[in-house]
C-alpha atoms as a PDB file:
ATOM      1  CA  MET A   1     -63.929 -30.845  57.754  1.00  0.00           C
ATOM      2  CA  ARG A   2     -66.195 -30.410  54.058  1.00  0.00           C
ATOM      3  CA  ARG A   3     -64.498 -27.579  53.312  1.00  0.00           C
ATOM      4  CA  LEU A   4     -60.901 -29.539  53.494  1.00  0.00           C
ATOM      5  CA  ILE A   5     -62.611 -32.899  51.379  1.00  0.00           C
ATOM      6  CA  THR A   6     -63.640 -30.390  49.056  1.00  0.00           C
ATOM      7  CA  LEU A   7     -60.219 -28.627  48.506  1.00  0.00           C
ATOM      8  CA  LEU A   8     -58.762 -31.811  48.548  1.00  0.00           C
ATOM      9  CA  LEU A   9     -60.511 -33.345  45.649  1.00  0.00           C
ATOM     10  CA  ALA A  10     -60.953 -30.388  43.339  1.00  0.00           C
ATOM     11  CA  PRO A  11     -57.527 -30.272  42.067  1.00  0.00           C
ATOM     12  CA  LEU A  12     -57.871 -34.781  41.779  1.00  0.00           C
ATOM     13  CA  LEU A  13     -61.410 -33.952  39.787  1.00  0.00           C
ATOM     14  CA  THR A  14     -59.632 -30.988  37.115  1.00  0.00           C
ATOM     15  CA  LEU A  15     -56.908 -33.583  36.437  1.00  0.00           C
ATOM     16  CA  VAL A  16     -59.572 -37.091  35.926  1.00  0.00           C
ATOM     17  CA  LEU A  17     -61.970 -34.498  33.876  1.00  0.00           C
ATOM     18  CA  ALA A  18     -59.620 -32.260  31.948  1.00  0.00           C
ATOM     19  CA  PRO A  19     -58.675 -35.089  29.306  1.00  0.00           C
ATOM     20  CA  LEU A  20     -62.312 -36.128  28.783  1.00  0.00           C
ATOM     21  CA  MET A  21     -63.412 -32.329  28.579  1.00  0.00           C
ATOM     22  CA  VAL A  22     -61.092 -31.889  25.827  1.00  0.00           C
ATOM     23  CA  SER A  23     -61.736 -35.458  23.791  1.00  0.00           C
ATOM     24  CA  ALA A  24     -65.712 -34.576  23.797  1.00  0.00           C
ATOM     25  CA  VAL A  25     -64.615 -31.310  21.460  1.00  0.00           C
ATOM     26  CA  ALA A  26     -64.950 -32.878  17.881  1.00  0.00           C
ATOM     27  CA  ALA A  27     -62.587 -32.027  15.512  1.00  0.00           C
ATOM     28  CA  PRO A  28     -63.760 -30.064  12.369  1.00  0.00           C
ATOM     29  CA  ARG A  29     -64.751 -32.561   9.951  1.00  0.00           C
ATOM     30  CA  ASP A  30     -61.954 -33.740   6.727  1.00  0.00           C
ATOM     31  CA  TRP A  31     -64.594 -32.976   3.790  1.00  0.00           C
ATOM     32  CA  THR A  32     -62.340 -34.423   1.527  1.00  0.00           C
ATOM     33  CA  ARG A  33     -63.325 -37.499   2.865  1.00  0.00           C
ATOM     34  CA  VAL A  34     -66.837 -37.201   1.487  1.00  0.00           C
ATOM     35  CA  ALA A  35     -68.259 -38.204  -2.110  1.00  0.00           C
ATOM     36  CA  THR A  36     -71.185 -38.400  -3.498  1.00  0.00           C
ATOM     37  CA  GLN A  37     -71.996 -39.443  -6.946  1.00  0.00           C
ATOM     38  CA  THR A  38     -75.051 -37.906  -8.983  1.00  0.00           C
ATOM     39  CA  ALA A  39     -77.704 -39.522 -10.994  1.00  0.00           C
ATOM     40  CA  SER A  40     -75.924 -38.658 -14.616  1.00  0.00           C
ATOM     41  CA  GLY A  41     -72.608 -40.387 -12.718  1.00  0.00           C
ATOM     42  CA  SER A  42     -70.342 -37.193 -11.825  1.00  0.00           C
ATOM     43  CA  PHE A  43     -68.758 -37.311  -8.478  1.00  0.00           C
ATOM     44  CA  VAL A  44     -69.192 -34.286  -6.093  1.00  0.00           C
ATOM     45  CA  ILE A  45     -66.519 -34.288  -3.447  1.00  0.00           C
ATOM     46  CA  GLY A  46     -67.013 -32.379  -0.321  1.00  0.00           C
ATOM     47  CA  ASN A  47     -69.642 -30.483   1.636  1.00  0.00           C
ATOM     48  CA  PRO A  48     -73.131 -30.812  -0.204  1.00  0.00           C
ATOM     49  CA  LYS A  49     -74.154 -27.671   1.355  1.00  0.00           C
ATOM     50  CA  ALA A  50     -70.914 -26.035   0.596  1.00  0.00           C
ATOM     51  CA  LYS A  51     -71.149 -22.257   0.172  1.00  0.00           C
ATOM     52  CA  VAL A  52     -68.699 -22.540  -2.936  1.00  0.00           C
ATOM     53  CA  LYS A  53     -69.523 -25.177  -5.999  1.00  0.00           C
ATOM     54  CA  LEU A  54     -66.847 -25.838  -8.365  1.00  0.00           C
ATOM     55  CA  ILE A  55     -67.676 -27.989 -11.716  1.00  0.00           C
ATOM     56  CA  GLU A  56     -64.781 -28.839 -13.240  1.00  0.00           C
ATOM     57  CA  TYR A  57     -64.717 -30.485 -17.031  1.00  0.00           C
ATOM     58  CA  LEU A  58     -61.751 -32.973 -17.195  1.00  0.00           C
ATOM     59  CA  SER A  59     -59.811 -34.964 -19.223  1.00  0.00           C
ATOM     60  CA  TYR A  60     -57.179 -37.573 -17.802  1.00  0.00           C
ATOM     61  CA  THR A  61     -54.974 -37.453 -21.009  1.00  0.00           C
ATOM     62  CA  CYS A  62     -55.050 -33.590 -21.356  1.00  0.00           C
ATOM     63  CA  PRO A  63     -51.569 -32.134 -20.245  1.00  0.00           C
ATOM     64  CA  HIS A  64     -53.463 -28.792 -18.600  1.00  0.00           C
ATOM     65  CA  CYS A  65     -55.776 -30.592 -16.664  1.00  0.00           C
ATOM     66  CA  ALA A  66     -52.700 -32.669 -15.001  1.00  0.00           C
ATOM     67  CA  HIS A  67     -51.023 -29.538 -14.384  1.00  0.00           C
ATOM     68  CA  PHE A  68     -54.264 -27.756 -13.178  1.00  0.00           C
ATOM     69  CA  SER A  69     -54.478 -31.167 -10.680  1.00  0.00           C
ATOM     70  CA  ASN A  70     -50.685 -31.039  -9.367  1.00  0.00           C
ATOM     71  CA  GLU A  71     -50.765 -27.368  -8.751  1.00  0.00           C
ATOM     72  CA  SER A  72     -54.431 -26.769  -7.378  1.00  0.00           C
ATOM     73  CA  SER A  73     -54.641 -29.859  -5.404  1.00  0.00           C
ATOM     74  CA  ALA A  74     -52.721 -28.193  -1.831  1.00  0.00           C
ATOM     75  CA  VAL A  75     -55.280 -25.282  -1.665  1.00  0.00           C
ATOM     76  CA  LEU A  76     -58.061 -26.647  -3.580  1.00  0.00           C
ATOM     77  CA  LYS A  77     -59.099 -30.167  -1.997  1.00  0.00           C
ATOM     78  CA  GLY A  78     -56.041 -29.864   1.281  1.00  0.00           C
ATOM     79  CA  LYS A  79     -57.700 -26.209   2.157  1.00  0.00           C
ATOM     80  CA  TYR A  80     -61.171 -25.557   0.944  1.00  0.00           C
ATOM     81  CA  VAL A  81     -62.581 -28.502   0.362  1.00  0.00           C
ATOM     82  CA  ARG A  82     -61.581 -29.832   3.854  1.00  0.00           C
ATOM     83  CA  SER A  83     -63.018 -27.032   5.513  1.00  0.00           C
ATOM     84  CA  GLY A  84     -66.183 -27.276   3.911  1.00  0.00           C
ATOM     85  CA  SER A  85     -66.387 -23.681   2.362  1.00  0.00           C
ATOM     86  CA  THR A  86     -66.109 -25.358  -1.295  1.00  0.00           C
ATOM     87  CA  SER A  87     -67.123 -28.682  -3.548  1.00  0.00           C
ATOM     88  CA  VAL A  88     -65.782 -29.964  -6.663  1.00  0.00           C
ATOM     89  CA  GLU A  89     -68.115 -32.049  -9.212  1.00  0.00           C
ATOM     90  CA  LEU A  90     -65.617 -33.839 -11.590  1.00  0.00           C
ATOM     91  CA  ARG A  91     -67.365 -34.618 -14.826  1.00  0.00           C
ATOM     92  CA  HIS A  92     -65.629 -36.432 -17.667  1.00  0.00           C
ATOM     93  CA  ALA A  93     -64.948 -34.795 -21.269  1.00  0.00           C
ATOM     94  CA  ILE A  94     -63.205 -37.948 -22.603  1.00  0.00           C
ATOM     95  CA  ARG A  95     -60.856 -36.861 -25.189  1.00  0.00           C
ATOM     96  CA  ASP A  96     -59.985 -40.572 -26.411  1.00  0.00           C
ATOM     97  CA  LYS A  97     -59.718 -44.247 -25.824  1.00  0.00           C
ATOM     98  CA  LEU A  98     -56.783 -43.881 -23.132  1.00  0.00           C
ATOM     99  CA  ASP A  99     -58.349 -41.526 -21.249  1.00  0.00           C
ATOM    100  CA  LEU A 100     -61.931 -43.585 -21.540  1.00  0.00           C
ATOM    101  CA  ALA A 101     -59.566 -46.358 -20.163  1.00  0.00           C
ATOM    102  CA  ALA A 102     -58.338 -44.207 -17.331  1.00  0.00           C
ATOM    103  CA  ALA A 103     -62.064 -42.854 -16.133  1.00  0.00           C
ATOM    104  CA  VAL A 104     -62.823 -46.696 -16.037  1.00  0.00           C
ATOM    105  CA  VAL A 105     -60.094 -47.178 -13.388  1.00  0.00           C
ATOM    106  CA  ALA A 106     -60.936 -43.996 -11.309  1.00  0.00           C
ATOM    107  CA  ARG A 107     -64.508 -44.681 -11.239  1.00  0.00           C
ATOM    108  CA  CYS A 108     -64.363 -48.018 -10.592  1.00  0.00           C
ATOM    109  CA  THR A 109     -62.347 -47.504  -7.092  1.00  0.00           C
ATOM    110  CA  GLY A 110     -65.952 -46.121  -6.185  1.00  0.00           C
ATOM    111  CA  THR A 111     -66.770 -42.523  -4.065  1.00  0.00           C
ATOM    112  CA  ALA A 112     -64.709 -43.627  -1.448  1.00  0.00           C
ATOM    113  CA  GLY A 113     -61.636 -43.848  -3.595  1.00  0.00           C
ATOM    114  CA  PHE A 114     -61.944 -41.792  -7.015  1.00  0.00           C
ATOM    115  CA  SER A 115     -60.812 -38.465  -5.849  1.00  0.00           C
ATOM    116  CA  ALA A 116     -57.307 -39.970  -4.816  1.00  0.00           C
ATOM    117  CA  THR A 117     -57.278 -42.181  -7.509  1.00  0.00           C
ATOM    118  CA  THR A 118     -58.319 -39.255  -9.695  1.00  0.00           C
ATOM    119  CA  ASP A 119     -55.046 -37.179  -8.643  1.00  0.00           C
ATOM    120  CA  ALA A 120     -53.068 -40.392  -8.755  1.00  0.00           C
ATOM    121  CA  ILE A 121     -53.877 -40.844 -12.312  1.00  0.00           C
ATOM    122  CA  PHE A 122     -53.070 -36.788 -13.193  1.00  0.00           C
ATOM    123  CA  ALA A 123     -49.519 -37.130 -11.108  1.00  0.00           C
ATOM    124  CA  ALA A 124     -48.464 -40.327 -13.500  1.00  0.00           C
ATOM    125  CA  GLN A 125     -49.825 -38.956 -16.543  1.00  0.00           C
ATOM    126  CA  GLY A 126     -46.208 -38.016 -18.136  1.00  0.00           C
ATOM    127  CA  GLU A 127     -45.632 -42.147 -17.593  1.00  0.00           C
ATOM    128  CA  TRP A 128     -48.426 -43.917 -18.376  1.00  0.00           C
ATOM    129  CA  GLY A 129     -49.650 -41.575 -21.337  1.00  0.00           C
ATOM    130  CA  PRO A 130     -46.792 -42.061 -23.892  1.00  0.00           C
ATOM    131  CA  ARG A 131     -46.447 -45.913 -22.706  1.00  0.00           C
ATOM    132  CA  GLY A 132     -50.154 -46.345 -23.832  1.00  0.00           C
ATOM    133  CA  ASP A 133     -49.831 -43.923 -27.039  1.00  0.00           C
ATOM    134  CA  GLN A 134     -47.018 -46.714 -27.770  1.00  0.00           C
ATOM    135  CA  PHE A 135     -48.692 -49.836 -26.839  1.00  0.00           C
ATOM    136  CA  GLU A 136     -51.826 -48.644 -29.015  1.00  0.00           C
ATOM    137  CA  ARG A 137     -49.234 -48.049 -31.786  1.00  0.00           C
ATOM    138  CA  ILE A 138     -47.879 -51.630 -31.644  1.00  0.00           C
ATOM    139  CA  ASN A 139     -50.814 -53.636 -30.111  1.00  0.00           C
ATOM    140  CA  GLY A 140     -54.040 -51.359 -32.435  1.00  0.00           C
ATOM    141  CA  SER A 141     -54.128 -53.793 -35.449  1.00  0.00           C
ATOM    142  CA  ARG A 142     -54.693 -56.960 -32.825  1.00  0.00           C
ATOM    143  CA  MET A 143     -56.899 -54.927 -30.812  1.00  0.00           C
ATOM    144  CA  ALA A 144     -59.072 -54.034 -32.989  1.00  0.00           C
ATOM    145  CA  LEU A 145     -60.343 -57.441 -33.271  1.00  0.00           C
ATOM    146  CA  TYR A 146     -61.461 -57.239 -29.796  1.00  0.00           C
ATOM    147  CA  SER A 147     -64.796 -56.170 -28.225  1.00  0.00           C
ATOM    148  CA  GLU A 148     -64.956 -52.156 -26.835  1.00  0.00           C
ATOM    149  CA  SER A 149     -64.518 -53.604 -23.056  1.00  0.00           C
ATOM    150  CA  ALA A 150     -61.972 -55.928 -23.923  1.00  0.00           C
ATOM    151  CA  ARG A 151     -59.847 -53.466 -25.958  1.00  0.00           C
ATOM    152  CA  LEU A 152     -60.363 -51.130 -23.046  1.00  0.00           C
ATOM    153  CA  ARG A 153     -58.804 -53.049 -20.514  1.00  0.00           C
ATOM    154  CA  ALA A 154     -55.837 -54.459 -23.034  1.00  0.00           C
ATOM    155  CA  LEU A 155     -54.829 -50.664 -22.797  1.00  0.00           C
ATOM    156  CA  ALA A 156     -55.418 -50.214 -19.054  1.00  0.00           C
ATOM    157  CA  ASP A 157     -53.151 -53.116 -18.588  1.00  0.00           C
ATOM    158  CA  GLY A 158     -50.685 -51.943 -21.215  1.00  0.00           C
ATOM    159  CA  SER A 159     -50.083 -48.365 -20.198  1.00  0.00           C
ATOM    160  CA  GLY A 160     -49.974 -49.075 -16.641  1.00  0.00           C
ATOM    161  CA  LEU A 161     -53.459 -47.472 -15.974  1.00  0.00           C
ATOM    162  CA  SER A 162     -54.463 -51.278 -14.381  1.00  0.00           C
ATOM    163  CA  ASP A 163     -51.232 -50.759 -11.728  1.00  0.00           C
ATOM    164  CA  ILE A 164     -52.196 -47.377 -10.913  1.00  0.00           C
ATOM    165  CA  GLY A 165     -55.942 -49.078  -9.872  1.00  0.00           C
ATOM    166  CA  ARG A 166     -54.560 -51.779  -8.286  1.00  0.00           C
ATOM    167  CA  ALA A 167     -52.071 -49.798  -6.171  1.00  0.00           C
ATOM    168  CA  LYS A 168     -55.720 -47.848  -4.607  1.00  0.00           C
ATOM    169  CA  GLY A 169     -57.018 -51.335  -3.876  1.00  0.00           C
ATOM    170  CA  LEU A 170     -58.702 -52.701  -6.976  1.00  0.00           C
ATOM    171  CA  SER A 171     -58.035 -56.548  -7.755  1.00  0.00           C
ATOM    172  CA  ASN A 172     -58.035 -58.244 -11.276  1.00  0.00           C
ATOM    173  CA  ALA A 173     -61.418 -59.012 -10.987  1.00  0.00           C
ATOM    174  CA  ALA A 174     -62.687 -56.103  -9.835  1.00  0.00           C
ATOM    175  CA  LEU A 175     -61.064 -54.123 -12.837  1.00  0.00           C
ATOM    176  CA  ASP A 176     -62.638 -56.769 -15.154  1.00  0.00           C
ATOM    177  CA  ALA A 177     -66.077 -55.834 -13.875  1.00  0.00           C
ATOM    178  CA  CYS A 178     -65.977 -52.409 -14.379  1.00  0.00           C
ATOM    179  CA  PHE A 179     -64.600 -52.744 -17.803  1.00  0.00           C
ATOM    180  CA  ALA A 180     -67.149 -55.576 -18.496  1.00  0.00           C
ATOM    181  CA  ASN A 181     -70.041 -52.755 -17.584  1.00  0.00           C
ATOM    182  CA  THR A 182     -71.672 -51.450 -20.569  1.00  0.00           C
ATOM    183  CA  ALA A 183     -74.020 -49.370 -18.497  1.00  0.00           C
ATOM    184  CA  GLU A 184     -71.099 -47.461 -16.907  1.00  0.00           C
ATOM    185  CA  LEU A 185     -69.423 -46.781 -20.544  1.00  0.00           C
ATOM    186  CA  LEU A 186     -72.795 -45.237 -21.441  1.00  0.00           C
ATOM    187  CA  LYS A 187     -72.924 -43.447 -18.572  1.00  0.00           C
ATOM    188  CA  ILE A 188     -69.444 -41.716 -19.802  1.00  0.00           C
ATOM    189  CA  ALA A 189     -69.877 -41.635 -23.069  1.00  0.00           C
ATOM    190  CA  VAL A 190     -73.380 -39.626 -21.981  1.00  0.00           C
ATOM    191  CA  MET A 191     -72.028 -37.246 -19.843  1.00  0.00           C
ATOM    192  CA  THR A 192     -69.104 -36.835 -22.175  1.00  0.00           C
ATOM    193  CA  ASP A 193     -71.469 -35.420 -24.834  1.00  0.00           C
ATOM    194  CA  ALA A 194     -73.239 -33.106 -22.578  1.00  0.00           C
ATOM    195  CA  SER A 195     -69.824 -31.873 -21.252  1.00  0.00           C
ATOM    196  CA  TRP A 196     -68.384 -30.656 -24.513  1.00  0.00           C
ATOM    197  CA  LYS A 197     -71.811 -29.008 -24.816  1.00  0.00           C
ATOM    198  CA  ALA A 198     -71.582 -27.138 -21.920  1.00  0.00           C
ATOM    199  CA  ILE A 199     -67.646 -26.541 -22.621  1.00  0.00           C
ATOM    200  CA  ASN A 200     -68.285 -25.242 -26.089  1.00  0.00           C
ATOM    201  CA  ALA A 201     -71.396 -23.022 -25.182  1.00  0.00           C
ATOM    202  CA  ALA A 202     -69.466 -21.514 -22.746  1.00  0.00           C
ATOM    203  CA  ALA A 203     -66.162 -20.785 -24.803  1.00  0.00           C
ATOM    204  CA  GLY A 204     -67.995 -19.069 -27.599  1.00  0.00           C
ATOM    205  CA  PRO A 205     -66.986 -19.801 -31.434  1.00  0.00           C
ATOM    206  CA  GLU A 206     -63.624 -20.925 -30.786  1.00  0.00           C
ATOM    207  CA  GLY A 207     -64.610 -23.919 -28.915  1.00  0.00           C
ATOM    208  CA  GLY A 208     -63.028 -24.618 -25.528  1.00  0.00           C
ATOM    209  CA  GLY A 209     -61.102 -27.306 -24.300  1.00  0.00           C
ATOM    210  CA  THR A 210     -60.205 -28.929 -20.771  1.00  0.00           C
ATOM    211  CA  PRO A 211     -60.002 -28.140 -17.975  1.00  0.00           C
ATOM    212  CA  SER A 212     -63.210 -26.045 -17.925  1.00  0.00           C
ATOM    213  CA  PHE A 213     -65.012 -24.539 -14.746  1.00  0.00           C
ATOM    214  CA  VAL A 214     -68.104 -23.678 -13.531  1.00  0.00           C
ATOM    215  CA  VAL A 215     -67.909 -21.800 -10.173  1.00  0.00           C
ATOM    216  CA  ASN A 216     -71.425 -21.453  -8.535  1.00  0.00           C
ATOM    217  CA  GLY A 217     -73.444 -21.874 -11.825  1.00  0.00           C
ATOM    218  CA  LYS A 218     -71.189 -19.252 -13.841  1.00  0.00           C
ATOM    219  CA  PRO A 219     -68.821 -20.422 -16.088  1.00  0.00           C
ATOM    220  CA  HIS A 220     -65.067 -19.792 -15.501  1.00  0.00           C
ATOM    221  CA  THR A 221     -63.356 -19.014 -18.811  1.00  0.00           C
ATOM    222  CA  LYS A 222     -59.360 -19.421 -17.151  1.00  0.00           C
ATOM    223  CA  THR A 223     -57.885 -22.432 -16.942  1.00  0.00           C
ATOM    224  CA  GLU A 224     -54.645 -21.664 -14.935  1.00  0.00           C
ATOM    225  CA  TRP A 225     -54.990 -22.291 -10.732  1.00  0.00           C
ATOM    226  CA  ALA A 226     -54.411 -18.781 -10.048  1.00  0.00           C
ATOM    227  CA  GLY A 227     -56.896 -17.021 -11.294  1.00  0.00           C
ATOM    228  CA  LEU A 228     -59.638 -19.555 -10.800  1.00  0.00           C
ATOM    229  CA  ASP A 229     -58.312 -19.419  -6.965  1.00  0.00           C
ATOM    230  CA  THR A 230     -59.036 -15.936  -7.065  1.00  0.00           C
ATOM    231  CA  VAL A 231     -62.543 -16.317  -8.279  1.00  0.00           C
ATOM    232  CA  LEU A 232     -63.324 -19.132  -5.508  1.00  0.00           C
ATOM    233  CA  ARG A 233     -61.684 -16.826  -2.494  1.00  0.00           C
ATOM    234  CA  ALA A 234     -64.151 -13.822  -4.062  1.00  0.00           C
ATOM    235  CA  ALA A 235     -66.987 -16.716  -3.771  1.00  0.00           C
ATOM    236  CA  GLY A 236     -66.318 -17.422  -0.251  1.00  0.00           C
ATOM    237  CA  ALA A 237     -63.489 -20.542  -0.155  1.00  0.00           C
ATOM    238  CA  LYS A 238     -61.161 -20.556   2.573  1.00  0.00           C
END
């Protein structure tokens, strides 16, 4: 009798427990959702203990940076960072006022939103870039009377950068607060100075530009994704 009960219950228990066992297996962690801010103010996207550590010096008004971002994102962030094998530290190398306004908008979204907002800014560079240049030419004399923070906020509004920030969840009050944060502007300025020193030191007498990269502590002189991808895979990105 006991054997009969066991034979009858076994299939039933299998049906009940199997889904629970499947759900108990944890899905692989998506490391693109993990971000931290360093003491210097840069943002590290991905696994802090990743085998491959990539540093990118970037400028939002740099066409090459936008091209690299659009070309590399699917593999670099969508595969290497997502898997946990690679982390990306983004450091500002500001080139102009419009670039600075873009940096403030991206940073205003915080660690949770910085990476996605950076991607969105680069993806739309062909729209807000020319629009911002035109706005600055037309309104430059008037904006010269503004404070530095007010000038940057006006430029963000006139270029459409503020619209990108609002699409990422920022309110007008949040944008106001971020552009008025002089300590944050100073942090970006200090980081920019350090970034250009590092870029030029790695590039040699002719000087360097953006984007520039460092892989596991070693500067990488090529700026195209294909060359960097080879270096990352050789270092262990997967």
